[in-house]
Amino acid sequence: RYVNPASGGPVMNRLDVYLQGLTKGSATTPRRSTANAACVVLDGAGKTKVGETEISWGRNDTFTLPHGNWITHTASEADTRLFVVTDREVLRRLELLQDEVQE
């Protein structure tokens, strides 16, 4: 998570920004949230499952993660990184943020 060095909070008042590294061949834990996100593929390639839809992506691709869907990412190359911008912070401030993790 990128943070504001002065406050330790989000970089922007209403948006949160993350850099997510993915391990080749290993799927992330399924999660869903009331937050939306936009992803930019910095390096590598892989697939993301959003609900029942699977998205294939590679370097420099952009895709979105709409709220309310179970989401998992799987990298097909080593050193895969996603730059993620999300509205989590504004939802947290409005006390509307809900997150679930599938076990």
PDB file of N, CA and C in Angstrom:
ATOM      1  N   ARG A   1       0.848  -1.168   0.000  1.00  0.00           N
ATOM      2  CA  ARG A   1       0.000   0.000   0.000  1.00  0.00           C
ATOM      3  C   ARG A   1       0.893   1.231   0.000  1.00  0.00           C
ATOM      4  N   TYR A   2       0.583   2.148  -0.909  1.00  0.00           N
ATOM      5  CA  TYR A   2       1.290   3.424  -0.893  1.00  0.00           C
ATOM      6  C   TYR A   2       0.622   4.291   0.164  1.00  0.00           C
ATOM      7  N   VAL A   3       1.425   4.987   0.968  1.00  0.00           N
ATOM      8  CA  VAL A   3       0.877   5.819   2.035  1.00  0.00           C
ATOM      9  C   VAL A   3       1.435   7.236   1.956  1.00  0.00           C
ATOM     10  N   ASN A   4       0.681   8.145   2.508  1.00  0.00           N
ATOM     11  CA  ASN A   4       1.115   9.528   2.645  1.00  0.00           C
ATOM     12  C   ASN A   4       2.165   9.556   3.751  1.00  0.00           C
ATOM     13  N   PRO A   5       3.413   9.962   3.468  1.00  0.00           N
ATOM     14  CA  PRO A   5       4.457   9.926   4.497  1.00  0.00           C
ATOM     15  C   PRO A   5       4.191  10.863   5.674  1.00  0.00           C
ATOM     16  N   ALA A   6       3.404  11.894   5.460  1.00  0.00           N
ATOM     17  CA  ALA A   6       3.119  12.837   6.544  1.00  0.00           C
ATOM     18  C   ALA A   6       2.079  12.293   7.524  1.00  0.00           C
ATOM     19  N   SER A   7       1.088  11.548   7.013  1.00  0.00           N
ATOM     20  CA  SER A   7       0.002  11.097   7.870  1.00  0.00           C
ATOM     21  C   SER A   7      -0.050   9.591   8.079  1.00  0.00           C
ATOM     22  N   GLY A   8       0.614   8.828   7.208  1.00  0.00           N
ATOM     23  CA  GLY A   8       0.533   7.377   7.285  1.00  0.00           C
ATOM     24  C   GLY A   8      -0.752   6.824   6.690  1.00  0.00           C
ATOM     25  N   GLY A   9      -1.614   7.711   6.198  1.00  0.00           N
ATOM     26  CA  GLY A   9      -2.884   7.315   5.601  1.00  0.00           C
ATOM     27  C   GLY A   9      -2.759   7.134   4.099  1.00  0.00           C
ATOM     28  N   PRO A  10      -3.892   7.102   3.417  1.00  0.00           N
ATOM     29  CA  PRO A  10      -3.875   6.908   1.965  1.00  0.00           C
ATOM     30  C   PRO A  10      -3.183   8.061   1.249  1.00  0.00           C
ATOM     31  N   VAL A  11      -2.672   7.797   0.055  1.00  0.00           N
ATOM     32  CA  VAL A  11      -1.979   8.812  -0.731  1.00  0.00           C
ATOM     33  C   VAL A  11      -2.940   9.932  -1.119  1.00  0.00           C
ATOM     34  N   MET A  12      -4.172   9.545  -1.470  1.00  0.00           N
ATOM     35  CA  MET A  12      -5.200  10.522  -1.838  1.00  0.00           C
ATOM     36  C   MET A  12      -6.362  10.405  -0.857  1.00  0.00           C
ATOM     37  N   ASN A  13      -7.087  11.485  -0.645  1.00  0.00           N
ATOM     38  CA  ASN A  13      -8.173  11.496   0.338  1.00  0.00           C
ATOM     39  C   ASN A  13      -9.252  10.451   0.082  1.00  0.00           C
ATOM     40  N   ARG A  14      -9.532  10.160  -1.166  1.00  0.00           N
ATOM     41  CA  ARG A  14     -10.660   9.297  -1.480  1.00  0.00           C
ATOM     42  C   ARG A  14     -10.279   7.984  -2.155  1.00  0.00           C
ATOM     43  N   LEU A  15      -9.014   7.833  -2.499  1.00  0.00           N
ATOM     44  CA  LEU A  15      -8.573   6.624  -3.193  1.00  0.00           C
ATOM     45  C   LEU A  15      -7.400   5.987  -2.475  1.00  0.00           C
ATOM     46  N   ASP A  16      -7.342   4.667  -2.549  1.00  0.00           N
ATOM     47  CA  ASP A  16      -6.226   3.919  -2.008  1.00  0.00           C
ATOM     48  C   ASP A  16      -5.448   3.323  -3.182  1.00  0.00           C
ATOM     49  N   VAL A  17      -4.132   3.215  -3.045  1.00  0.00           N
ATOM     50  CA  VAL A  17      -3.276   2.743  -4.124  1.00  0.00           C
ATOM     51  C   VAL A  17      -2.370   1.633  -3.587  1.00  0.00           C
ATOM     52  N   TYR A  18      -2.287   0.531  -4.335  1.00  0.00           N
ATOM     53  CA  TYR A  18      -1.510  -0.631  -3.921  1.00  0.00           C
ATOM     54  C   TYR A  18      -0.646  -1.132  -5.070  1.00  0.00           C
ATOM     55  N   LEU A  19       0.434  -1.803  -4.730  1.00  0.00           N
ATOM     56  CA  LEU A  19       1.223  -2.560  -5.687  1.00  0.00           C
ATOM     57  C   LEU A  19       1.140  -4.006  -5.214  1.00  0.00           C
ATOM     58  N   GLN A  20       0.593  -4.881  -6.069  1.00  0.00           N
ATOM     59  CA  GLN A  20       0.391  -6.270  -5.682  1.00  0.00           C
ATOM     60  C   GLN A  20       1.301  -7.169  -6.493  1.00  0.00           C
ATOM     61  N   GLY A  21       2.171  -7.882  -5.802  1.00  0.00           N
ATOM     62  CA  GLY A  21       3.025  -8.865  -6.442  1.00  0.00           C
ATOM     63  C   GLY A  21       2.348 -10.229  -6.408  1.00  0.00           C
ATOM     64  N   LEU A  22       2.451 -10.974  -7.498  1.00  0.00           N
ATOM     65  CA  LEU A  22       1.801 -12.278  -7.594  1.00  0.00           C
ATOM     66  C   LEU A  22       2.824 -13.374  -7.845  1.00  0.00           C
ATOM     67  N   THR A  23       2.625 -14.526  -7.217  1.00  0.00           N
ATOM     68  CA  THR A  23       3.494 -15.680  -7.391  1.00  0.00           C
ATOM     69  C   THR A  23       3.016 -16.505  -8.573  1.00  0.00           C
ATOM     70  N   LYS A  24       3.934 -16.857  -9.446  1.00  0.00           N
ATOM     71  CA  LYS A  24       3.596 -17.640 -10.642  1.00  0.00           C
ATOM     72  C   LYS A  24       2.876 -18.935 -10.273  1.00  0.00           C
ATOM     73  N   GLY A  25       1.706 -19.160 -10.915  1.00  0.00           N
ATOM     74  CA  GLY A  25       0.957 -20.397 -10.757  1.00  0.00           C
ATOM     75  C   GLY A  25       0.120 -20.523  -9.514  1.00  0.00           C
ATOM     76  N   SER A  26       0.197 -19.571  -8.611  1.00  0.00           N
ATOM     77  CA  SER A  26      -0.547 -19.642  -7.358  1.00  0.00           C
ATOM     78  C   SER A  26      -1.671 -18.606  -7.359  1.00  0.00           C
ATOM     79  N   ALA A  27      -2.902 -19.055  -7.151  1.00  0.00           N
ATOM     80  CA  ALA A  27      -4.051 -18.139  -7.126  1.00  0.00           C
ATOM     81  C   ALA A  27      -4.122 -17.419  -5.787  1.00  0.00           C
ATOM     82  N   THR A  28      -4.520 -16.160  -5.825  1.00  0.00           N
ATOM     83  CA  THR A  28      -4.737 -15.423  -4.584  1.00  0.00           C
ATOM     84  C   THR A  28      -5.997 -15.949  -3.903  1.00  0.00           C
ATOM     85  N   THR A  29      -6.134 -15.700  -2.636  1.00  0.00           N
ATOM     86  CA  THR A  29      -7.320 -16.093  -1.882  1.00  0.00           C
ATOM     87  C   THR A  29      -8.534 -15.338  -2.431  1.00  0.00           C
ATOM     88  N   PRO A  30      -9.640 -16.023  -2.717  1.00  0.00           N
ATOM     89  CA  PRO A  30     -10.830 -15.321  -3.215  1.00  0.00           C
ATOM     90  C   PRO A  30     -11.331 -14.289  -2.200  1.00  0.00           C
ATOM     91  N   ARG A  31     -11.608 -13.101  -2.714  1.00  0.00           N
ATOM     92  CA  ARG A  31     -12.101 -12.001  -1.878  1.00  0.00           C
ATOM     93  C   ARG A  31     -13.215 -11.280  -2.609  1.00  0.00           C
ATOM     94  N   ARG A  32     -14.098 -10.650  -1.834  1.00  0.00           N
ATOM     95  CA  ARG A  32     -15.064  -9.729  -2.425  1.00  0.00           C
ATOM     96  C   ARG A  32     -15.257  -8.567  -1.475  1.00  0.00           C
ATOM     97  N   SER A  33     -15.684  -7.455  -2.048  1.00  0.00           N
ATOM     98  CA  SER A  33     -15.727  -6.207  -1.298  1.00  0.00           C
ATOM     99  C   SER A  33     -16.809  -5.304  -1.872  1.00  0.00           C
ATOM    100  N   THR A  34     -17.182  -4.312  -1.094  1.00  0.00           N
ATOM    101  CA  THR A  34     -18.069  -3.270  -1.610  1.00  0.00           C
ATOM    102  C   THR A  34     -17.277  -2.234  -2.404  1.00  0.00           C
ATOM    103  N   ALA A  35     -15.948  -2.346  -2.384  1.00  0.00           N
ATOM    104  CA  ALA A  35     -15.088  -1.415  -3.120  1.00  0.00           C
ATOM    105  C   ALA A  35     -14.908  -1.852  -4.568  1.00  0.00           C
ATOM    106  N   ASN A  36     -14.647  -0.890  -5.430  1.00  0.00           N
ATOM    107  CA  ASN A  36     -14.302  -1.120  -6.834  1.00  0.00           C
ATOM    108  C   ASN A  36     -12.811  -0.864  -6.992  1.00  0.00           C
ATOM    109  N   ALA A  37     -12.211  -1.431  -8.044  1.00  0.00           N
ATOM    110  CA  ALA A  37     -10.786  -1.214  -8.278  1.00  0.00           C
ATOM    111  C   ALA A  37     -10.499  -1.194  -9.766  1.00  0.00           C
ATOM    112  N   ALA A  38      -9.426  -0.495 -10.117  1.00  0.00           N
ATOM    113  CA  ALA A  38      -8.873  -0.520 -11.470  1.00  0.00           C
ATOM    114  C   ALA A  38      -7.446  -1.017 -11.353  1.00  0.00           C
ATOM    115  N   CYS A  39      -7.056  -1.927 -12.244  1.00  0.00           N
ATOM    116  CA  CYS A  39      -5.722  -2.538 -12.200  1.00  0.00           C
ATOM    117  C   CYS A  39      -4.968  -2.247 -13.492  1.00  0.00           C
ATOM    118  N   VAL A  40      -3.681  -1.977 -13.348  1.00  0.00           N
ATOM    119  CA  VAL A  40      -2.770  -1.846 -14.487  1.00  0.00           C
ATOM    120  C   VAL A  40      -1.678  -2.890 -14.288  1.00  0.00           C
ATOM    121  N   VAL A  41      -1.437  -3.680 -15.315  1.00  0.00           N
ATOM    122  CA  VAL A  41      -0.410  -4.729 -15.238  1.00  0.00           C
ATOM    123  C   VAL A  41       0.940  -4.077 -15.529  1.00  0.00           C
ATOM    124  N   LEU A  42       1.800  -4.016 -14.515  1.00  0.00           N
ATOM    125  CA  LEU A  42       3.128  -3.424 -14.690  1.00  0.00           C
ATOM    126  C   LEU A  42       4.097  -4.410 -15.320  1.00  0.00           C
ATOM    127  N   ASP A  43       4.062  -5.648 -14.841  1.00  0.00           N
ATOM    128  CA  ASP A  43       4.972  -6.688 -15.330  1.00  0.00           C
ATOM    129  C   ASP A  43       4.253  -8.023 -15.289  1.00  0.00           C
ATOM    130  N   GLY A  44       4.612  -8.906 -16.214  1.00  0.00           N
ATOM    131  CA  GLY A  44       4.098 -10.263 -16.189  1.00  0.00           C
ATOM    132  C   GLY A  44       2.792 -10.434 -16.938  1.00  0.00           C
ATOM    133  N   ALA A  45       2.157 -11.563 -16.666  1.00  0.00           N
ATOM    134  CA  ALA A  45       0.893 -11.919 -17.311  1.00  0.00           C
ATOM    135  C   ALA A  45       0.142 -12.868 -16.393  1.00  0.00           C
ATOM    136  N   GLY A  46      -1.157 -13.005 -16.657  1.00  0.00           N
ATOM    137  CA  GLY A  46      -1.946 -13.927 -15.856  1.00  0.00           C
ATOM    138  C   GLY A  46      -3.418 -13.835 -16.186  1.00  0.00           C
ATOM    139  N   LYS A  47      -4.221 -14.284 -15.228  1.00  0.00           N
ATOM    140  CA  LYS A  47      -5.672 -14.274 -15.375  1.00  0.00           C
ATOM    141  C   LYS A  47      -6.301 -13.820 -14.070  1.00  0.00           C
ATOM    142  N   THR A  48      -7.449 -13.187 -14.195  1.00  0.00           N
ATOM    143  CA  THR A  48      -8.234 -12.800 -13.032  1.00  0.00           C
ATOM    144  C   THR A  48      -9.635 -13.336 -13.222  1.00  0.00           C
ATOM    145  N   LYS A  49     -10.150 -13.978 -12.188  1.00  0.00           N
ATOM    146  CA  LYS A  49     -11.527 -14.450 -12.221  1.00  0.00           C
ATOM    147  C   LYS A  49     -12.369 -13.460 -11.431  1.00  0.00           C
ATOM    148  N   VAL A  50     -13.369 -12.886 -12.100  1.00  0.00           N
ATOM    149  CA  VAL A  50     -14.296 -11.927 -11.498  1.00  0.00           C
ATOM    150  C   VAL A  50     -15.671 -12.569 -11.576  1.00  0.00           C
ATOM    151  N   GLY A  51     -16.168 -13.078 -10.445  1.00  0.00           N
ATOM    152  CA  GLY A  51     -17.409 -13.841 -10.486  1.00  0.00           C
ATOM    153  C   GLY A  51     -17.177 -15.085 -11.322  1.00  0.00           C
ATOM    154  N   GLU A  52     -17.972 -15.262 -12.374  1.00  0.00           N
ATOM    155  CA  GLU A  52     -17.825 -16.407 -13.274  1.00  0.00           C
ATOM    156  C   GLU A  52     -17.024 -16.061 -14.540  1.00  0.00           C
ATOM    157  N   THR A  53     -16.578 -14.814 -14.659  1.00  0.00           N
ATOM    158  CA  THR A  53     -15.852 -14.354 -15.847  1.00  0.00           C
ATOM    159  C   THR A  53     -14.353 -14.401 -15.602  1.00  0.00           C
ATOM    160  N   GLU A  54     -13.612 -14.906 -16.589  1.00  0.00           N
ATOM    161  CA  GLU A  54     -12.154 -14.939 -16.484  1.00  0.00           C
ATOM    162  C   GLU A  54     -11.550 -13.956 -17.482  1.00  0.00           C
ATOM    163  N   ILE A  55     -10.636 -13.133 -16.996  1.00  0.00           N
ATOM    164  CA  ILE A  55      -9.971 -12.119 -17.813  1.00  0.00           C
ATOM    165  C   ILE A  55      -8.502 -12.495 -17.932  1.00  0.00           C
ATOM    166  N   SER A  56      -7.998 -12.595 -19.149  1.00  0.00           N
ATOM    167  CA  SER A  56      -6.560 -12.801 -19.370  1.00  0.00           C
ATOM    168  C   SER A  56      -5.918 -11.439 -19.584  1.00  0.00           C
ATOM    169  N   TRP A  57      -4.739 -11.251 -19.025  1.00  0.00           N
ATOM    170  CA  TRP A  57      -4.078  -9.957 -19.137  1.00  0.00           C
ATOM    171  C   TRP A  57      -2.565 -10.126 -19.246  1.00  0.00           C
ATOM    172  N   GLY A  58      -1.925  -9.077 -19.736  1.00  0.00           N
ATOM    173  CA  GLY A  58      -0.471  -9.027 -19.870  1.00  0.00           C
ATOM    174  C   GLY A  58       0.024  -7.617 -19.609  1.00  0.00           C
ATOM    175  N   ARG A  59       1.314  -7.446 -19.712  1.00  0.00           N
ATOM    176  CA  ARG A  59       1.950  -6.158 -19.419  1.00  0.00           C
ATOM    177  C   ARG A  59       1.251  -5.007 -20.138  1.00  0.00           C
ATOM    178  N   ASN A  60       1.009  -3.920 -19.395  1.00  0.00           N
ATOM    179  CA  ASN A  60       0.369  -2.680 -19.857  1.00  0.00           C
ATOM    180  C   ASN A  60      -1.138  -2.782 -20.050  1.00  0.00           C
ATOM    181  N   ASP A  61      -1.743  -3.940 -19.773  1.00  0.00           N
ATOM    182  CA  ASP A  61      -3.198  -4.038 -19.848  1.00  0.00           C
ATOM    183  C   ASP A  61      -3.824  -3.364 -18.635  1.00  0.00           C
ATOM    184  N   THR A  62      -5.059  -2.915 -18.811  1.00  0.00           N
ATOM    185  CA  THR A  62      -5.848  -2.304 -17.739  1.00  0.00           C
ATOM    186  C   THR A  62      -7.176  -3.034 -17.662  1.00  0.00           C
ATOM    187  N   PHE A  63      -7.639  -3.308 -16.440  1.00  0.00           N
ATOM    188  CA  PHE A  63      -8.945  -3.936 -16.257  1.00  0.00           C
ATOM    189  C   PHE A  63      -9.530  -3.482 -14.928  1.00  0.00           C
ATOM    190  N   THR A  64     -10.840  -3.679 -14.765  1.00  0.00           N
ATOM    191  CA  THR A  64     -11.515  -3.232 -13.547  1.00  0.00           C
ATOM    192  C   THR A  64     -12.037  -4.418 -12.752  1.00  0.00           C
ATOM    193  N   LEU A  65     -12.217  -4.180 -11.469  1.00  0.00           N
ATOM    194  CA  LEU A  65     -12.759  -5.172 -10.547  1.00  0.00           C
ATOM    195  C   LEU A  65     -14.002  -4.570  -9.891  1.00  0.00           C
ATOM    196  N   PRO A  66     -15.190  -4.893 -10.409  1.00  0.00           N
ATOM    197  CA  PRO A  66     -16.414  -4.316  -9.856  1.00  0.00           C
ATOM    198  C   PRO A  66     -16.763  -4.913  -8.497  1.00  0.00           C
ATOM    199  N   HIS A  67     -17.395  -4.114  -7.662  1.00  0.00           N
ATOM    200  CA  HIS A  67     -17.742  -4.545  -6.309  1.00  0.00           C
ATOM    201  C   HIS A  67     -18.727  -5.724  -6.323  1.00  0.00           C
ATOM    202  N   GLY A  68     -18.720  -6.460  -5.222  1.00  0.00           N
ATOM    203  CA  GLY A  68     -19.686  -7.534  -5.025  1.00  0.00           C
ATOM    204  C   GLY A  68     -19.350  -8.853  -5.673  1.00  0.00           C
ATOM    205  N   ASN A  69     -18.217  -8.963  -6.352  1.00  0.00           N
ATOM    206  CA  ASN A  69     -17.821 -10.202  -7.032  1.00  0.00           C
ATOM    207  C   ASN A  69     -16.670 -10.872  -6.302  1.00  0.00           C
ATOM    208  N   TRP A  70     -16.678 -12.213  -6.293  1.00  0.00           N
ATOM    209  CA  TRP A  70     -15.518 -12.938  -5.793  1.00  0.00           C
ATOM    210  C   TRP A  70     -14.411 -12.784  -6.821  1.00  0.00           C
ATOM    211  N   ILE A  71     -13.216 -12.427  -6.362  1.00  0.00           N
ATOM    212  CA  ILE A  71     -12.100 -12.120  -7.262  1.00  0.00           C
ATOM    213  C   ILE A  71     -10.854 -12.889  -6.834  1.00  0.00           C
ATOM    214  N   THR A  72     -10.183 -13.512  -7.827  1.00  0.00           N
ATOM    215  CA  THR A  72      -8.881 -14.135  -7.615  1.00  0.00           C
ATOM    216  C   THR A  72      -7.976 -13.791  -8.794  1.00  0.00           C
ATOM    217  N   HIS A  73      -6.689 -13.661  -8.514  1.00  0.00           N
ATOM    218  CA  HIS A  73      -5.682 -13.422  -9.547  1.00  0.00           C
ATOM    219  C   HIS A  73      -4.738 -14.619  -9.575  1.00  0.00           C
ATOM    220  N   THR A  74      -4.284 -14.992 -10.781  1.00  0.00           N
ATOM    221  CA  THR A  74      -3.278 -16.040 -10.938  1.00  0.00           C
ATOM    222  C   THR A  74      -2.264 -15.571 -11.972  1.00  0.00           C
ATOM    223  N   ALA A  75      -1.009 -15.513 -11.573  1.00  0.00           N
ATOM    224  CA  ALA A  75       0.062 -15.101 -12.493  1.00  0.00           C
ATOM    225  C   ALA A  75       0.548 -16.298 -13.293  1.00  0.00           C
ATOM    226  N   SER A  76       0.805 -16.087 -14.580  1.00  0.00           N
ATOM    227  CA  SER A  76       1.362 -17.149 -15.423  1.00  0.00           C
ATOM    228  C   SER A  76       2.849 -16.916 -15.697  1.00  0.00           C
ATOM    229  N   GLU A  77       3.379 -15.809 -15.183  1.00  0.00           N
ATOM    230  CA  GLU A  77       4.803 -15.496 -15.319  1.00  0.00           C
ATOM    231  C   GLU A  77       5.362 -15.080 -13.965  1.00  0.00           C
ATOM    232  N   ALA A  78       6.655 -15.277 -13.786  1.00  0.00           N
ATOM    233  CA  ALA A  78       7.326 -14.822 -12.566  1.00  0.00           C
ATOM    234  C   ALA A  78       7.378 -13.295 -12.543  1.00  0.00           C
ATOM    235  N   ASP A  79       7.509 -12.746 -11.376  1.00  0.00           N
ATOM    236  CA  ASP A  79       7.656 -11.294 -11.186  1.00  0.00           C
ATOM    237  C   ASP A  79       6.478 -10.496 -11.745  1.00  0.00           C
ATOM    238  N   THR A  80       5.270 -11.018 -11.580  1.00  0.00           N
ATOM    239  CA  THR A  80       4.073 -10.316 -12.035  1.00  0.00           C
ATOM    240  C   THR A  80       3.650  -9.304 -10.970  1.00  0.00           C
ATOM    241  N   ARG A  81       3.368  -8.072 -11.429  1.00  0.00           N
ATOM    242  CA  ARG A  81       2.961  -7.008 -10.509  1.00  0.00           C
ATOM    243  C   ARG A  81       1.763  -6.249 -11.079  1.00  0.00           C
ATOM    244  N   LEU A  82       0.779  -5.979 -10.211  1.00  0.00           N
ATOM    245  CA  LEU A  82      -0.393  -5.186 -10.571  1.00  0.00           C
ATOM    246  C   LEU A  82      -0.388  -3.893  -9.766  1.00  0.00           C
ATOM    247  N   PHE A  83      -0.644  -2.787 -10.434  1.00  0.00           N
ATOM    248  CA  PHE A  83      -0.842  -1.494  -9.779  1.00  0.00           C
ATOM    249  C   PHE A  83      -2.354  -1.337  -9.632  1.00  0.00           C
ATOM    250  N   VAL A  84      -2.838  -1.195  -8.389  1.00  0.00           N
ATOM    251  CA  VAL A  84      -4.269  -1.204  -8.110  1.00  0.00           C
ATOM    252  C   VAL A  84      -4.691   0.120  -7.470  1.00  0.00           C
ATOM    253  N   VAL A  85      -5.722   0.755  -8.059  1.00  0.00           N
ATOM    254  CA  VAL A  85      -6.324   1.964  -7.500  1.00  0.00           C
ATOM    255  C   VAL A  85      -7.748   1.601  -7.113  1.00  0.00           C
ATOM    256  N   THR A  86      -8.137   1.881  -5.884  1.00  0.00           N
ATOM    257  CA  THR A  86      -9.446   1.481  -5.388  1.00  0.00           C
ATOM    258  C   THR A  86     -10.130   2.602  -4.612  1.00  0.00           C
ATOM    259  N   ASP A  87     -11.453   2.532  -4.560  1.00  0.00           N
ATOM    260  CA  ASP A  87     -12.235   3.519  -3.800  1.00  0.00           C
ATOM    261  C   ASP A  87     -12.467   3.064  -2.359  1.00  0.00           C
ATOM    262  N   ARG A  88     -11.663   2.149  -1.867  1.00  0.00           N
ATOM    263  CA  ARG A  88     -11.799   1.623  -0.500  1.00  0.00           C
ATOM    264  C   ARG A  88     -11.813   2.727   0.551  1.00  0.00           C
ATOM    265  N   GLU A  89     -10.942   3.713   0.380  1.00  0.00           N
ATOM    266  CA  GLU A  89     -10.805   4.746   1.405  1.00  0.00           C
ATOM    267  C   GLU A  89     -12.085   5.565   1.576  1.00  0.00           C
ATOM    268  N   VAL A  90     -12.707   5.963   0.483  1.00  0.00           N
ATOM    269  CA  VAL A  90     -13.940   6.752   0.608  1.00  0.00           C
ATOM    270  C   VAL A  90     -15.051   5.897   1.215  1.00  0.00           C
ATOM    271  N   LEU A  91     -15.120   4.634   0.862  1.00  0.00           N
ATOM    272  CA  LEU A  91     -16.132   3.755   1.448  1.00  0.00           C
ATOM    273  C   LEU A  91     -15.865   3.521   2.929  1.00  0.00           C
ATOM    274  N   ARG A  92     -14.587   3.397   3.287  1.00  0.00           N
ATOM    275  CA  ARG A  92     -14.241   3.245   4.715  1.00  0.00           C
ATOM    276  C   ARG A  92     -14.680   4.462   5.505  1.00  0.00           C
ATOM    277  N   ARG A  93     -14.415   5.646   4.965  1.00  0.00           N
ATOM    278  CA  ARG A  93     -14.785   6.887   5.660  1.00  0.00           C
ATOM    279  C   ARG A  93     -16.296   7.044   5.802  1.00  0.00           C
ATOM    280  N   LEU A  94     -17.034   6.521   4.841  1.00  0.00           N
ATOM    281  CA  LEU A  94     -18.502   6.581   4.890  1.00  0.00           C
ATOM    282  C   LEU A  94     -19.099   5.399   5.657  1.00  0.00           C
ATOM    283  N   GLU A  95     -18.228   4.542   6.207  1.00  0.00           N
ATOM    284  CA  GLU A  95     -18.627   3.342   6.935  1.00  0.00           C
ATOM    285  C   GLU A  95     -19.470   2.400   6.076  1.00  0.00           C
ATOM    286  N   LEU A  96     -19.109   2.313   4.784  1.00  0.00           N
ATOM    287  CA  LEU A  96     -19.799   1.436   3.835  1.00  0.00           C
ATOM    288  C   LEU A  96     -18.910   0.305   3.330  1.00  0.00           C
ATOM    289  N   LEU A  97     -17.658   0.271   3.771  1.00  0.00           N
ATOM    290  CA  LEU A  97     -16.730  -0.754   3.293  1.00  0.00           C
ATOM    291  C   LEU A  97     -16.994  -2.081   3.983  1.00  0.00           C
ATOM    292  N   GLN A  98     -17.174  -3.117   3.168  1.00  0.00           N
ATOM    293  CA  GLN A  98     -17.317  -4.482   3.682  1.00  0.00           C
ATOM    294  C   GLN A  98     -16.419  -5.381   2.851  1.00  0.00           C
ATOM    295  N   ASP A  99     -15.677  -6.249   3.508  1.00  0.00           N
ATOM    296  CA  ASP A  99     -14.773  -7.180   2.840  1.00  0.00           C
ATOM    297  C   ASP A  99     -15.068  -8.596   3.317  1.00  0.00           C
ATOM    298  N   GLU A 100     -14.950  -9.560   2.410  1.00  0.00           N
ATOM    299  CA  GLU A 100     -15.081 -10.975   2.751  1.00  0.00           C
ATOM    300  C   GLU A 100     -13.926 -11.724   2.124  1.00  0.00           C
ATOM    301  N   VAL A 101     -13.442 -12.731   2.833  1.00  0.00           N
ATOM    302  CA  VAL A 101     -12.394 -13.617   2.337  1.00  0.00           C
ATOM    303  C   VAL A 101     -12.955 -15.023   2.357  1.00  0.00           C
ATOM    304  N   GLN A 102     -12.812 -15.741   1.244  1.00  0.00           N
ATOM    305  CA  GLN A 102     -13.282 -17.118   1.156  1.00  0.00           C
ATOM    306  C   GLN A 102     -12.190 -18.037   1.687  1.00  0.00           C
ATOM    307  N   GLU A 103     -12.539 -18.919   2.558  1.00  0.00           N
ATOM    308  CA  GLU A 103     -11.524 -19.830   3.131  1.00  0.00           C
ATOM    309  C   GLU A 103     -11.475 -21.144   2.447  1.00  0.00           C
TER     310      GLU A 103
END
